N, C-alpha and C. Protein backbone atom coordinates (compact mmCIF):
# COMPACT_ATOMS: atom_id res chain seq x y z
N MET A 1 -29.50 21.89 -4.52
CA MET A 1 -28.15 22.17 -5.01
C MET A 1 -27.21 22.35 -3.81
N ALA A 2 -26.04 21.71 -3.87
CA ALA A 2 -25.07 21.83 -2.78
C ALA A 2 -24.57 23.27 -2.68
N PRO A 3 -24.30 23.75 -1.48
CA PRO A 3 -23.79 25.10 -1.32
C PRO A 3 -22.41 25.28 -1.92
N ARG A 4 -22.10 26.50 -2.32
CA ARG A 4 -20.76 26.83 -2.84
C ARG A 4 -19.90 27.16 -1.61
N VAL A 5 -18.84 26.38 -1.45
CA VAL A 5 -18.04 26.46 -0.21
C VAL A 5 -16.60 26.86 -0.54
N VAL A 6 -16.05 27.73 0.31
CA VAL A 6 -14.61 27.98 0.32
C VAL A 6 -14.06 27.34 1.58
N SER A 7 -13.06 26.50 1.43
CA SER A 7 -12.42 25.84 2.58
C SER A 7 -11.06 26.44 2.84
N LEU A 8 -10.85 26.93 4.06
CA LEU A 8 -9.57 27.47 4.46
C LEU A 8 -8.83 26.52 5.40
N VAL A 9 -9.26 25.25 5.37
CA VAL A 9 -8.67 24.22 6.24
C VAL A 9 -8.31 23.01 5.36
N PRO A 10 -7.04 22.64 5.26
CA PRO A 10 -6.65 21.55 4.36
C PRO A 10 -7.39 20.23 4.63
N SER A 11 -7.55 19.86 5.90
CA SER A 11 -8.21 18.58 6.16
C SER A 11 -9.70 18.65 5.83
N VAL A 12 -10.30 19.82 5.92
CA VAL A 12 -11.69 19.97 5.52
C VAL A 12 -11.81 19.84 4.00
N THR A 13 -10.87 20.44 3.28
CA THR A 13 -10.89 20.33 1.82
C THR A 13 -10.82 18.85 1.42
N GLU A 14 -9.89 18.11 2.02
CA GLU A 14 -9.77 16.68 1.72
C GLU A 14 -11.10 15.97 1.99
N THR A 15 -11.73 16.30 3.09
CA THR A 15 -13.00 15.65 3.47
C THR A 15 -14.10 16.02 2.48
N LEU A 16 -14.20 17.28 2.09
CA LEU A 16 -15.24 17.70 1.15
C LEU A 16 -15.08 17.02 -0.20
N VAL A 17 -13.86 16.90 -0.66
CA VAL A 17 -13.60 16.22 -1.93
C VAL A 17 -14.03 14.75 -1.82
N ALA A 18 -13.71 14.11 -0.70
CA ALA A 18 -14.10 12.70 -0.51
C ALA A 18 -15.62 12.55 -0.46
N TRP A 19 -16.30 13.58 0.00
CA TRP A 19 -17.77 13.56 0.06
C TRP A 19 -18.43 13.97 -1.24
N ASP A 20 -17.66 14.23 -2.25
CA ASP A 20 -18.18 14.74 -3.53
C ASP A 20 -18.86 16.10 -3.36
N ARG A 21 -18.26 16.90 -2.48
CA ARG A 21 -18.70 18.27 -2.27
C ARG A 21 -17.47 19.20 -2.37
N PRO A 22 -16.74 19.14 -3.48
CA PRO A 22 -15.49 19.90 -3.56
C PRO A 22 -15.75 21.40 -3.41
N PRO A 23 -14.88 22.09 -2.66
CA PRO A 23 -15.05 23.54 -2.53
C PRO A 23 -14.72 24.25 -3.84
N ILE A 24 -15.22 25.47 -3.97
CA ILE A 24 -14.91 26.27 -5.16
C ILE A 24 -13.55 26.91 -5.04
N ALA A 25 -13.00 26.98 -3.82
CA ALA A 25 -11.66 27.52 -3.60
C ALA A 25 -11.14 26.97 -2.28
N CYS A 26 -9.83 26.96 -2.15
CA CYS A 26 -9.21 26.45 -0.93
C CYS A 26 -7.83 27.06 -0.79
N THR A 27 -7.08 26.69 0.24
CA THR A 27 -5.76 27.25 0.44
C THR A 27 -4.73 26.50 -0.42
N ARG A 28 -3.58 27.11 -0.55
CA ARG A 28 -2.52 26.48 -1.34
C ARG A 28 -1.93 25.27 -0.64
N PHE A 29 -2.24 25.09 0.66
CA PHE A 29 -1.74 23.93 1.40
C PHE A 29 -2.67 22.72 1.27
N CYS A 30 -3.76 22.87 0.55
CA CYS A 30 -4.77 21.80 0.50
C CYS A 30 -4.45 20.68 -0.48
N GLU A 31 -3.41 20.86 -1.29
CA GLU A 31 -2.97 19.82 -2.23
C GLU A 31 -4.07 19.39 -3.18
N GLN A 32 -4.78 20.40 -3.70
CA GLN A 32 -5.85 20.14 -4.67
C GLN A 32 -5.63 21.04 -5.89
N PRO A 33 -4.77 20.64 -6.83
CA PRO A 33 -4.42 21.49 -7.95
C PRO A 33 -5.58 21.88 -8.84
N GLY A 34 -6.68 21.13 -8.80
CA GLY A 34 -7.82 21.46 -9.65
C GLY A 34 -8.77 22.47 -9.05
N ILE A 35 -8.45 22.94 -7.83
CA ILE A 35 -9.33 23.89 -7.15
C ILE A 35 -8.58 25.22 -6.99
N GLU A 36 -9.27 26.33 -7.21
CA GLU A 36 -8.64 27.64 -7.15
C GLU A 36 -8.03 27.91 -5.77
N PRO A 37 -6.75 28.26 -5.69
CA PRO A 37 -6.15 28.62 -4.40
C PRO A 37 -6.43 30.07 -4.04
N VAL A 38 -6.70 30.32 -2.77
CA VAL A 38 -6.96 31.68 -2.32
C VAL A 38 -6.01 32.01 -1.15
N GLY A 39 -4.71 31.79 -1.37
CA GLY A 39 -3.74 32.10 -0.33
C GLY A 39 -3.51 30.97 0.64
N GLY A 40 -2.95 31.32 1.80
CA GLY A 40 -2.62 30.32 2.81
C GLY A 40 -3.65 30.29 3.93
N THR A 41 -3.40 29.41 4.89
CA THR A 41 -4.31 29.32 6.02
C THR A 41 -4.23 30.56 6.92
N LYS A 42 -3.03 31.11 7.05
CA LYS A 42 -2.82 32.28 7.92
C LYS A 42 -3.07 33.59 7.19
N ARG A 43 -2.86 33.59 5.88
CA ARG A 43 -3.03 34.81 5.10
C ARG A 43 -3.83 34.54 3.83
N PRO A 44 -5.12 34.22 4.00
CA PRO A 44 -5.95 34.01 2.82
C PRO A 44 -6.18 35.31 2.07
N ARG A 45 -6.48 35.19 0.80
CA ARG A 45 -6.79 36.37 -0.01
C ARG A 45 -8.27 36.69 0.20
N LEU A 46 -8.51 37.50 1.21
CA LEU A 46 -9.88 37.77 1.63
C LEU A 46 -10.69 38.43 0.52
N ALA A 47 -10.05 39.36 -0.21
CA ALA A 47 -10.80 40.04 -1.27
C ALA A 47 -11.30 39.06 -2.32
N ARG A 48 -10.46 38.05 -2.65
CA ARG A 48 -10.88 37.06 -3.64
C ARG A 48 -11.98 36.19 -3.06
N VAL A 49 -11.87 35.82 -1.80
CA VAL A 49 -12.96 35.04 -1.18
C VAL A 49 -14.28 35.79 -1.27
N GLU A 50 -14.23 37.08 -0.97
CA GLU A 50 -15.46 37.89 -1.06
C GLU A 50 -15.98 37.97 -2.49
N GLU A 51 -15.08 38.08 -3.47
CA GLU A 51 -15.50 38.13 -4.87
C GLU A 51 -16.21 36.85 -5.29
N LEU A 52 -15.76 35.72 -4.76
CA LEU A 52 -16.38 34.44 -5.10
C LEU A 52 -17.78 34.31 -4.53
N ALA A 53 -18.09 35.10 -3.52
CA ALA A 53 -19.42 35.10 -2.89
C ALA A 53 -19.92 33.68 -2.57
N PRO A 54 -19.14 32.93 -1.79
CA PRO A 54 -19.57 31.57 -1.45
C PRO A 54 -20.78 31.58 -0.50
N ASP A 55 -21.48 30.48 -0.48
CA ASP A 55 -22.55 30.32 0.49
C ASP A 55 -22.01 30.09 1.88
N LEU A 56 -20.78 29.55 1.94
CA LEU A 56 -20.21 29.17 3.25
C LEU A 56 -18.69 29.17 3.16
N VAL A 57 -18.04 29.66 4.20
CA VAL A 57 -16.59 29.54 4.35
C VAL A 57 -16.32 28.65 5.56
N VAL A 58 -15.47 27.65 5.42
CA VAL A 58 -15.16 26.78 6.54
C VAL A 58 -13.76 27.13 7.07
N MET A 59 -13.69 27.33 8.40
CA MET A 59 -12.45 27.74 9.04
C MET A 59 -12.21 26.89 10.27
N ASN A 60 -11.03 27.03 10.85
CA ASN A 60 -10.62 26.31 12.06
C ASN A 60 -9.96 27.32 13.00
N ASP A 61 -10.27 27.24 14.28
CA ASP A 61 -9.76 28.29 15.19
C ASP A 61 -8.28 28.16 15.49
N GLU A 62 -7.64 27.08 15.07
CA GLU A 62 -6.20 26.93 15.27
C GLU A 62 -5.42 27.25 14.00
N GLU A 63 -5.90 26.79 12.87
CA GLU A 63 -5.17 27.01 11.63
C GLU A 63 -5.40 28.38 11.02
N ASN A 64 -6.54 29.00 11.33
CA ASN A 64 -6.86 30.29 10.75
C ASN A 64 -6.84 31.39 11.80
N ARG A 65 -6.70 32.63 11.37
CA ARG A 65 -6.61 33.75 12.29
C ARG A 65 -7.99 34.32 12.60
N ARG A 66 -8.15 34.77 13.85
CA ARG A 66 -9.44 35.36 14.26
C ARG A 66 -9.76 36.59 13.43
N GLU A 67 -8.74 37.41 13.11
CA GLU A 67 -9.02 38.63 12.35
C GLU A 67 -9.58 38.32 10.96
N ASP A 68 -9.16 37.19 10.37
CA ASP A 68 -9.73 36.82 9.08
C ASP A 68 -11.16 36.34 9.22
N PHE A 69 -11.41 35.59 10.28
CA PHE A 69 -12.79 35.17 10.58
C PHE A 69 -13.70 36.38 10.73
N GLU A 70 -13.23 37.37 11.51
CA GLU A 70 -14.06 38.56 11.74
C GLU A 70 -14.25 39.36 10.46
N ALA A 71 -13.22 39.43 9.62
CA ALA A 71 -13.34 40.18 8.37
C ALA A 71 -14.34 39.52 7.42
N LEU A 72 -14.33 38.19 7.37
CA LEU A 72 -15.27 37.50 6.48
C LEU A 72 -16.71 37.63 6.99
N GLU A 73 -16.87 37.56 8.30
CA GLU A 73 -18.22 37.76 8.85
C GLU A 73 -18.69 39.18 8.61
N ALA A 74 -17.76 40.14 8.77
CA ALA A 74 -18.13 41.54 8.55
C ALA A 74 -18.52 41.80 7.10
N ALA A 75 -17.98 40.99 6.19
CA ALA A 75 -18.33 41.12 4.77
C ALA A 75 -19.66 40.44 4.44
N GLY A 76 -20.28 39.88 5.44
CA GLY A 76 -21.58 39.26 5.25
C GLY A 76 -21.57 37.82 4.84
N LEU A 77 -20.39 37.16 4.94
CA LEU A 77 -20.28 35.77 4.58
C LEU A 77 -20.58 34.85 5.76
N ALA A 78 -21.23 33.74 5.48
CA ALA A 78 -21.47 32.75 6.51
C ALA A 78 -20.21 31.94 6.75
N VAL A 79 -19.82 31.78 8.01
CA VAL A 79 -18.60 31.06 8.34
C VAL A 79 -18.94 29.89 9.27
N HIS A 80 -18.46 28.72 8.91
CA HIS A 80 -18.63 27.53 9.74
C HIS A 80 -17.27 27.17 10.33
N VAL A 81 -17.16 27.11 11.65
CA VAL A 81 -15.91 26.80 12.33
C VAL A 81 -15.93 25.33 12.75
N ALA A 82 -14.94 24.58 12.29
CA ALA A 82 -14.81 23.16 12.60
C ALA A 82 -13.49 22.94 13.30
N SER A 83 -13.54 22.61 14.60
CA SER A 83 -12.30 22.59 15.39
C SER A 83 -12.28 21.46 16.40
N PRO A 84 -12.10 20.21 15.98
CA PRO A 84 -11.97 19.14 16.96
C PRO A 84 -10.68 19.27 17.75
N ARG A 85 -10.77 19.05 19.06
CA ARG A 85 -9.58 19.08 19.91
C ARG A 85 -8.99 17.69 20.14
N GLU A 86 -9.81 16.67 19.91
CA GLU A 86 -9.33 15.30 20.10
C GLU A 86 -10.06 14.36 19.16
N VAL A 87 -9.53 13.18 19.06
CA VAL A 87 -10.09 12.19 18.13
C VAL A 87 -11.57 11.94 18.41
N ALA A 88 -11.95 11.92 19.68
CA ALA A 88 -13.35 11.65 20.03
C ALA A 88 -14.29 12.71 19.54
N ASP A 89 -13.77 13.91 19.25
CA ASP A 89 -14.62 15.00 18.74
C ASP A 89 -14.95 14.87 17.25
N VAL A 90 -14.15 14.10 16.54
CA VAL A 90 -14.25 14.09 15.08
C VAL A 90 -15.63 13.67 14.56
N PRO A 91 -16.24 12.57 15.06
CA PRO A 91 -17.55 12.20 14.51
C PRO A 91 -18.59 13.32 14.61
N GLY A 92 -18.64 14.02 15.75
CA GLY A 92 -19.60 15.10 15.89
C GLY A 92 -19.29 16.30 15.00
N VAL A 93 -18.01 16.62 14.89
CA VAL A 93 -17.60 17.75 14.02
C VAL A 93 -17.93 17.42 12.57
N LEU A 94 -17.68 16.19 12.16
CA LEU A 94 -17.98 15.79 10.79
C LEU A 94 -19.49 15.80 10.52
N ALA A 95 -20.26 15.36 11.50
CA ALA A 95 -21.71 15.38 11.32
C ALA A 95 -22.23 16.80 11.11
N ALA A 96 -21.71 17.75 11.91
CA ALA A 96 -22.12 19.14 11.77
C ALA A 96 -21.66 19.70 10.42
N LEU A 97 -20.46 19.34 9.99
CA LEU A 97 -19.97 19.82 8.69
C LEU A 97 -20.82 19.25 7.56
N ALA A 98 -21.17 17.98 7.65
CA ALA A 98 -21.99 17.37 6.60
C ALA A 98 -23.33 18.09 6.47
N THR A 99 -23.91 18.43 7.61
CA THR A 99 -25.17 19.18 7.57
C THR A 99 -24.99 20.54 6.91
N ALA A 100 -23.88 21.20 7.24
CA ALA A 100 -23.62 22.55 6.71
C ALA A 100 -23.43 22.56 5.20
N VAL A 101 -22.88 21.47 4.64
CA VAL A 101 -22.61 21.44 3.20
C VAL A 101 -23.57 20.55 2.45
N ASP A 102 -24.63 20.12 3.14
CA ASP A 102 -25.67 19.28 2.53
C ASP A 102 -25.09 18.00 1.96
N ALA A 103 -24.25 17.34 2.76
CA ALA A 103 -23.69 16.05 2.39
C ALA A 103 -24.37 14.94 3.19
N PRO A 104 -24.37 13.71 2.70
CA PRO A 104 -24.93 12.62 3.48
C PRO A 104 -24.22 12.47 4.82
N ALA A 105 -24.93 12.00 5.80
CA ALA A 105 -24.33 11.83 7.14
C ALA A 105 -23.18 10.85 7.06
N PRO A 106 -22.04 11.16 7.68
CA PRO A 106 -20.90 10.25 7.66
C PRO A 106 -21.22 8.93 8.36
N ALA A 107 -20.54 7.90 7.97
CA ALA A 107 -20.70 6.60 8.61
C ALA A 107 -20.27 6.69 10.07
N PRO A 108 -20.99 6.05 10.97
CA PRO A 108 -20.59 6.08 12.39
C PRO A 108 -19.21 5.49 12.58
N TRP A 109 -18.48 6.05 13.52
CA TRP A 109 -17.14 5.56 13.84
C TRP A 109 -16.84 5.84 15.30
N GLU A 110 -16.34 4.85 16.00
CA GLU A 110 -15.95 5.00 17.38
C GLU A 110 -14.43 4.91 17.48
N PRO A 111 -13.78 5.88 18.12
CA PRO A 111 -12.32 5.78 18.28
C PRO A 111 -11.95 4.51 19.03
N PRO A 112 -10.88 3.84 18.61
CA PRO A 112 -10.49 2.61 19.30
C PRO A 112 -9.92 2.88 20.67
N ALA A 113 -10.01 1.89 21.54
CA ALA A 113 -9.36 2.02 22.85
C ALA A 113 -7.85 1.99 22.66
N PRO A 114 -7.11 2.69 23.51
CA PRO A 114 -5.64 2.64 23.40
C PRO A 114 -5.12 1.21 23.53
N PRO A 115 -3.98 0.91 22.95
CA PRO A 115 -3.40 -0.43 23.06
C PRO A 115 -3.22 -0.84 24.51
N ASP A 116 -3.37 -2.14 24.76
CA ASP A 116 -3.26 -2.66 26.12
C ASP A 116 -1.79 -2.92 26.45
N ARG A 117 -1.06 -1.87 26.68
CA ARG A 117 0.35 -1.95 27.06
C ARG A 117 0.74 -0.63 27.71
N PRO A 118 1.84 -0.60 28.44
CA PRO A 118 2.28 0.69 29.01
C PRO A 118 2.50 1.72 27.90
N ARG A 119 2.02 2.93 28.16
CA ARG A 119 2.16 3.99 27.16
C ARG A 119 3.61 4.45 27.09
N ARG A 120 4.13 4.51 25.87
CA ARG A 120 5.48 5.01 25.66
C ARG A 120 5.45 6.53 25.45
N THR A 121 6.60 7.14 25.68
CA THR A 121 6.70 8.61 25.61
C THR A 121 7.50 9.03 24.38
N ALA A 122 6.99 10.05 23.71
CA ALA A 122 7.65 10.53 22.49
C ALA A 122 7.87 12.03 22.57
N PHE A 123 8.99 12.47 22.01
CA PHE A 123 9.17 13.88 21.71
C PHE A 123 8.75 14.08 20.26
N VAL A 124 7.81 14.98 20.04
CA VAL A 124 7.28 15.24 18.70
C VAL A 124 7.68 16.65 18.30
N PRO A 125 8.71 16.81 17.47
CA PRO A 125 9.13 18.15 17.07
C PRO A 125 8.22 18.68 15.95
N VAL A 126 7.24 19.49 16.31
CA VAL A 126 6.36 20.04 15.29
C VAL A 126 7.04 21.17 14.54
N TRP A 127 8.14 21.69 15.09
CA TRP A 127 8.88 22.76 14.43
C TRP A 127 10.34 22.68 14.86
N ALA A 128 11.21 23.24 14.04
CA ALA A 128 12.62 23.36 14.37
C ALA A 128 13.02 24.84 14.17
N ARG A 129 14.09 25.22 14.84
CA ARG A 129 14.60 26.61 14.73
C ARG A 129 13.55 27.64 15.10
N PRO A 130 13.05 27.70 16.28
CA PRO A 130 13.39 26.89 17.44
C PRO A 130 12.60 25.57 17.49
N TRP A 131 13.07 24.66 18.34
CA TRP A 131 12.35 23.43 18.54
C TRP A 131 11.02 23.73 19.24
N MET A 132 9.95 23.14 18.73
CA MET A 132 8.65 23.27 19.36
C MET A 132 8.00 21.89 19.37
N THR A 133 7.16 21.66 20.38
CA THR A 133 6.45 20.40 20.48
C THR A 133 5.01 20.67 20.85
N LEU A 134 4.28 19.68 21.33
CA LEU A 134 2.85 19.87 21.64
C LEU A 134 2.53 19.35 23.03
N ASN A 135 1.44 19.85 23.60
CA ASN A 135 0.98 19.33 24.88
C ASN A 135 -0.29 18.49 24.64
N ARG A 136 -0.88 17.99 25.71
CA ARG A 136 -2.01 17.06 25.57
C ARG A 136 -3.26 17.73 25.00
N ASP A 137 -3.36 19.06 25.07
CA ASP A 137 -4.55 19.77 24.61
C ASP A 137 -4.49 20.08 23.12
N THR A 138 -4.07 19.11 22.32
CA THR A 138 -3.96 19.28 20.87
C THR A 138 -4.50 18.03 20.19
N TYR A 139 -4.97 18.20 18.99
CA TYR A 139 -5.48 17.06 18.24
C TYR A 139 -4.38 16.03 18.00
N GLY A 140 -3.17 16.49 17.66
CA GLY A 140 -2.07 15.54 17.43
C GLY A 140 -1.76 14.69 18.62
N ALA A 141 -1.81 15.27 19.82
CA ALA A 141 -1.56 14.49 21.04
C ALA A 141 -2.65 13.44 21.24
N SER A 142 -3.87 13.77 20.87
CA SER A 142 -4.96 12.80 21.00
C SER A 142 -4.78 11.62 20.04
N VAL A 143 -4.29 11.90 18.83
CA VAL A 143 -4.01 10.81 17.90
C VAL A 143 -2.90 9.93 18.43
N LEU A 144 -1.85 10.57 18.98
CA LEU A 144 -0.76 9.79 19.59
C LEU A 144 -1.28 8.89 20.71
N ALA A 145 -2.16 9.45 21.55
CA ALA A 145 -2.72 8.66 22.65
C ALA A 145 -3.48 7.45 22.12
N ALA A 146 -4.24 7.65 21.05
CA ALA A 146 -4.98 6.53 20.47
C ALA A 146 -4.04 5.46 19.91
N ALA A 147 -2.83 5.91 19.55
CA ALA A 147 -1.82 4.95 19.05
C ALA A 147 -0.98 4.36 20.18
N GLY A 148 -1.24 4.76 21.42
CA GLY A 148 -0.54 4.19 22.56
C GLY A 148 0.70 4.96 23.01
N TRP A 149 0.76 6.24 22.64
CA TRP A 149 1.91 7.06 22.99
C TRP A 149 1.48 8.31 23.74
N ALA A 150 2.38 8.81 24.58
CA ALA A 150 2.18 10.08 25.27
C ALA A 150 3.27 11.04 24.82
N GLY A 151 2.93 12.31 24.73
CA GLY A 151 3.94 13.31 24.41
C GLY A 151 4.77 13.66 25.63
N ALA A 152 6.05 13.92 25.40
CA ALA A 152 6.93 14.24 26.52
C ALA A 152 6.55 15.54 27.20
N TRP A 153 5.80 16.40 26.53
CA TRP A 153 5.34 17.67 27.09
C TRP A 153 3.84 17.71 27.27
N ASP A 154 3.22 16.55 27.46
CA ASP A 154 1.75 16.50 27.63
C ASP A 154 1.25 17.41 28.73
N ASP A 155 2.00 17.52 29.83
CA ASP A 155 1.52 18.27 30.98
C ASP A 155 1.89 19.74 30.95
N ASP A 156 2.50 20.19 29.86
CA ASP A 156 2.89 21.62 29.78
C ASP A 156 1.64 22.49 29.65
N ALA A 157 1.72 23.69 30.20
CA ALA A 157 0.59 24.62 30.15
C ALA A 157 0.39 25.25 28.78
N THR A 158 1.45 25.25 27.96
CA THR A 158 1.39 25.84 26.63
C THR A 158 1.11 24.76 25.60
N ARG A 159 0.19 25.04 24.68
CA ARG A 159 -0.18 24.00 23.71
C ARG A 159 0.98 23.63 22.80
N TYR A 160 1.77 24.61 22.39
CA TYR A 160 2.92 24.35 21.52
C TYR A 160 4.15 25.03 22.12
N PRO A 161 4.75 24.43 23.13
CA PRO A 161 5.87 25.07 23.81
C PRO A 161 7.18 24.99 23.02
N GLU A 162 8.01 26.03 23.18
CA GLU A 162 9.37 25.97 22.71
C GLU A 162 10.19 25.18 23.72
N VAL A 163 11.12 24.36 23.21
CA VAL A 163 11.95 23.53 24.09
C VAL A 163 13.39 23.56 23.58
N THR A 164 14.30 23.16 24.46
CA THR A 164 15.71 23.09 24.08
C THR A 164 16.14 21.64 23.95
N GLU A 165 17.26 21.44 23.29
CA GLU A 165 17.79 20.07 23.14
C GLU A 165 18.08 19.46 24.51
N ASP A 166 18.64 20.26 25.43
CA ASP A 166 18.94 19.75 26.76
C ASP A 166 17.67 19.34 27.50
N GLU A 167 16.58 20.10 27.34
CA GLU A 167 15.34 19.76 28.00
C GLU A 167 14.78 18.45 27.46
N VAL A 168 14.90 18.23 26.18
CA VAL A 168 14.40 16.98 25.61
C VAL A 168 15.20 15.81 26.15
N ARG A 169 16.51 15.95 26.16
CA ARG A 169 17.36 14.86 26.67
C ARG A 169 17.03 14.58 28.14
N ALA A 170 16.77 15.62 28.91
CA ALA A 170 16.48 15.43 30.33
C ALA A 170 15.18 14.63 30.55
N ARG A 171 14.26 14.71 29.62
CA ARG A 171 13.02 13.96 29.77
C ARG A 171 13.11 12.54 29.24
N ALA A 172 14.20 12.22 28.57
CA ALA A 172 14.50 10.85 28.14
C ALA A 172 13.32 10.17 27.47
N PRO A 173 12.80 10.72 26.36
CA PRO A 173 11.70 10.05 25.67
C PRO A 173 12.12 8.70 25.08
N ASP A 174 11.14 7.84 24.91
CA ASP A 174 11.43 6.54 24.29
C ASP A 174 11.76 6.68 22.81
N ALA A 175 11.25 7.73 22.18
CA ALA A 175 11.47 7.93 20.76
C ALA A 175 11.24 9.37 20.38
N VAL A 176 11.80 9.75 19.25
CA VAL A 176 11.49 11.02 18.59
C VAL A 176 10.60 10.70 17.41
N LEU A 177 9.39 11.21 17.42
CA LEU A 177 8.48 10.97 16.30
C LEU A 177 8.47 12.24 15.44
N ALA A 178 9.15 12.17 14.31
CA ALA A 178 9.35 13.33 13.44
C ALA A 178 8.28 13.37 12.35
N PRO A 179 7.34 14.31 12.44
CA PRO A 179 6.29 14.37 11.42
C PRO A 179 6.75 15.03 10.13
N THR A 180 6.13 14.67 9.03
CA THR A 180 6.48 15.25 7.74
C THR A 180 5.91 16.64 7.54
N GLU A 181 5.05 17.07 8.44
CA GLU A 181 4.57 18.46 8.48
C GLU A 181 4.07 18.74 9.88
N PRO A 182 4.02 20.02 10.34
CA PRO A 182 4.25 21.23 9.56
C PRO A 182 5.73 21.49 9.20
N TRP A 183 6.68 21.03 10.04
CA TRP A 183 8.08 21.07 9.61
C TRP A 183 8.33 19.83 8.75
N ALA A 184 8.91 20.04 7.60
CA ALA A 184 9.01 18.93 6.63
C ALA A 184 10.22 18.02 6.91
N PHE A 185 10.14 17.26 7.99
CA PHE A 185 11.18 16.28 8.25
C PHE A 185 11.13 15.18 7.20
N THR A 186 12.30 14.62 6.87
CA THR A 186 12.40 13.53 5.92
C THR A 186 13.24 12.41 6.55
N SER A 187 13.33 11.29 5.86
CA SER A 187 14.13 10.18 6.37
C SER A 187 15.60 10.57 6.52
N GLU A 188 16.04 11.56 5.78
CA GLU A 188 17.43 11.99 5.86
C GLU A 188 17.74 12.71 7.18
N ASP A 189 16.72 13.13 7.91
CA ASP A 189 16.91 13.82 9.19
C ASP A 189 17.01 12.87 10.37
N LEU A 190 16.68 11.61 10.19
CA LEU A 190 16.50 10.73 11.34
C LEU A 190 17.79 10.47 12.12
N ASP A 191 18.89 10.27 11.43
CA ASP A 191 20.16 10.03 12.14
C ASP A 191 20.53 11.25 12.98
N ASP A 192 20.38 12.45 12.43
CA ASP A 192 20.71 13.65 13.18
C ASP A 192 19.78 13.84 14.38
N LEU A 193 18.49 13.56 14.21
CA LEU A 193 17.56 13.67 15.32
C LEU A 193 17.89 12.68 16.42
N THR A 194 18.24 11.45 16.05
CA THR A 194 18.62 10.45 17.04
C THR A 194 19.85 10.89 17.82
N ALA A 195 20.84 11.43 17.11
CA ALA A 195 22.07 11.88 17.78
C ALA A 195 21.80 13.09 18.66
N THR A 196 20.96 13.99 18.20
CA THR A 196 20.69 15.24 18.95
C THR A 196 19.95 14.98 20.24
N PHE A 197 18.95 14.09 20.18
CA PHE A 197 18.08 13.91 21.35
C PHE A 197 18.30 12.64 22.12
N GLY A 198 19.18 11.77 21.65
CA GLY A 198 19.50 10.58 22.40
C GLY A 198 18.39 9.54 22.45
N ALA A 199 17.52 9.53 21.44
CA ALA A 199 16.43 8.56 21.36
C ALA A 199 16.22 8.21 19.90
N PRO A 200 15.79 6.99 19.60
CA PRO A 200 15.61 6.64 18.19
C PRO A 200 14.53 7.50 17.53
N ALA A 201 14.82 7.99 16.35
CA ALA A 201 13.89 8.84 15.61
C ALA A 201 13.14 8.04 14.56
N VAL A 202 11.86 8.29 14.46
CA VAL A 202 10.99 7.59 13.52
C VAL A 202 10.22 8.65 12.73
N LEU A 203 10.16 8.51 11.42
CA LEU A 203 9.40 9.43 10.58
C LEU A 203 7.93 9.02 10.60
N VAL A 204 7.04 9.98 10.83
CA VAL A 204 5.60 9.69 10.81
C VAL A 204 4.92 10.65 9.85
N ASP A 205 3.80 10.21 9.31
CA ASP A 205 3.02 11.00 8.36
C ASP A 205 2.36 12.16 9.10
N GLY A 206 2.79 13.39 8.79
CA GLY A 206 2.24 14.54 9.48
C GLY A 206 0.78 14.75 9.20
N GLN A 207 0.32 14.38 8.02
CA GLN A 207 -1.12 14.50 7.75
C GLN A 207 -1.92 13.53 8.59
N ASP A 208 -1.45 12.31 8.75
CA ASP A 208 -2.15 11.36 9.61
C ASP A 208 -2.17 11.86 11.05
N LEU A 209 -1.12 12.55 11.47
CA LEU A 209 -1.02 13.01 12.85
C LEU A 209 -1.87 14.26 13.11
N PHE A 210 -1.93 15.17 12.13
CA PHE A 210 -2.53 16.48 12.39
C PHE A 210 -3.81 16.77 11.58
N TRP A 211 -4.01 16.09 10.46
CA TRP A 211 -5.23 16.33 9.69
C TRP A 211 -6.33 15.46 10.26
N TRP A 212 -7.52 16.00 10.40
CA TRP A 212 -8.66 15.24 10.89
C TRP A 212 -9.72 15.22 9.78
N GLY A 213 -10.67 14.34 9.91
CA GLY A 213 -11.76 14.28 8.93
C GLY A 213 -11.96 12.86 8.44
N VAL A 214 -12.20 12.72 7.14
CA VAL A 214 -12.44 11.37 6.61
C VAL A 214 -11.23 10.48 6.79
N ARG A 215 -10.05 11.08 6.94
CA ARG A 215 -8.84 10.26 7.10
C ARG A 215 -8.65 9.75 8.52
N THR A 216 -9.40 10.26 9.50
CA THR A 216 -9.09 9.96 10.89
C THR A 216 -9.10 8.45 11.21
N PRO A 217 -10.12 7.68 10.88
CA PRO A 217 -10.06 6.25 11.22
C PRO A 217 -8.83 5.55 10.64
N GLY A 218 -8.55 5.79 9.36
CA GLY A 218 -7.38 5.17 8.75
C GLY A 218 -6.08 5.68 9.32
N ALA A 219 -6.04 6.98 9.67
CA ALA A 219 -4.82 7.58 10.21
C ALA A 219 -4.47 6.95 11.53
N VAL A 220 -5.46 6.78 12.41
CA VAL A 220 -5.19 6.14 13.71
C VAL A 220 -4.70 4.72 13.51
N ALA A 221 -5.34 3.99 12.59
CA ALA A 221 -4.92 2.60 12.35
C ALA A 221 -3.50 2.55 11.78
N ARG A 222 -3.19 3.45 10.87
CA ARG A 222 -1.84 3.45 10.27
C ARG A 222 -0.78 3.78 11.29
N LEU A 223 -1.05 4.77 12.12
CA LEU A 223 -0.06 5.16 13.12
C LEU A 223 0.13 4.07 14.17
N ARG A 224 -0.96 3.41 14.56
CA ARG A 224 -0.82 2.31 15.53
C ARG A 224 0.04 1.21 14.93
N ALA A 225 -0.17 0.91 13.67
CA ALA A 225 0.63 -0.15 13.03
C ALA A 225 2.09 0.26 12.89
N ALA A 226 2.30 1.52 12.51
CA ALA A 226 3.67 1.98 12.30
C ALA A 226 4.46 2.11 13.59
N LEU A 227 3.75 2.41 14.69
CA LEU A 227 4.41 2.68 15.97
C LEU A 227 4.28 1.51 16.95
N GLY A 228 3.87 0.38 16.46
CA GLY A 228 3.82 -0.78 17.32
C GLY A 228 2.62 -0.82 18.25
N GLY A 229 1.50 -0.23 17.77
CA GLY A 229 0.29 -0.20 18.59
C GLY A 229 -0.56 -1.42 18.42
């Protein structure tokens, strides 16, 4: 019998559903209306998770808080942490997850080589008010690299630095790649973003950029196609 799993990571929930191992509960950000929600990624309803007495809770060290991890472990629950830092990590992380949930081994997949052209530079606003972006030590930056792009703040020491409009203009990115999440940019924002930062703005699927798992191979291919890779 497959273990009873609570997933506190949206991309893990998507993966488990695709594997026919749906969790018994997940976060409200997981976009699975048929599965019981137990709060958000940052503030899960720990008491309800404990009541459900799952065999396993799946977490991520970036999306979830350490204090919640420690509380669940202290309650005697088994916790599996799945945290790829780059696209190349995904096959191994998925293999470990499949073992943990008693799912068949995922099909082998090798990340594609970057496109054979000079890498273009993008400003990726992961947040607004204040503006925030990402450095190279993030999964999203790795997906961008696979699509043939570099982040304008790749070399920053902070993984998600705050930046100003003047700083972005000074770095003269080739484009502004506006993801649909975590900040919900839409096509209606593109003209304003272009005017603000002095570079053409393109809307990109935030789930393809930041969610990892069964979607990773298709996400990389879709972003390469959308961004001229």
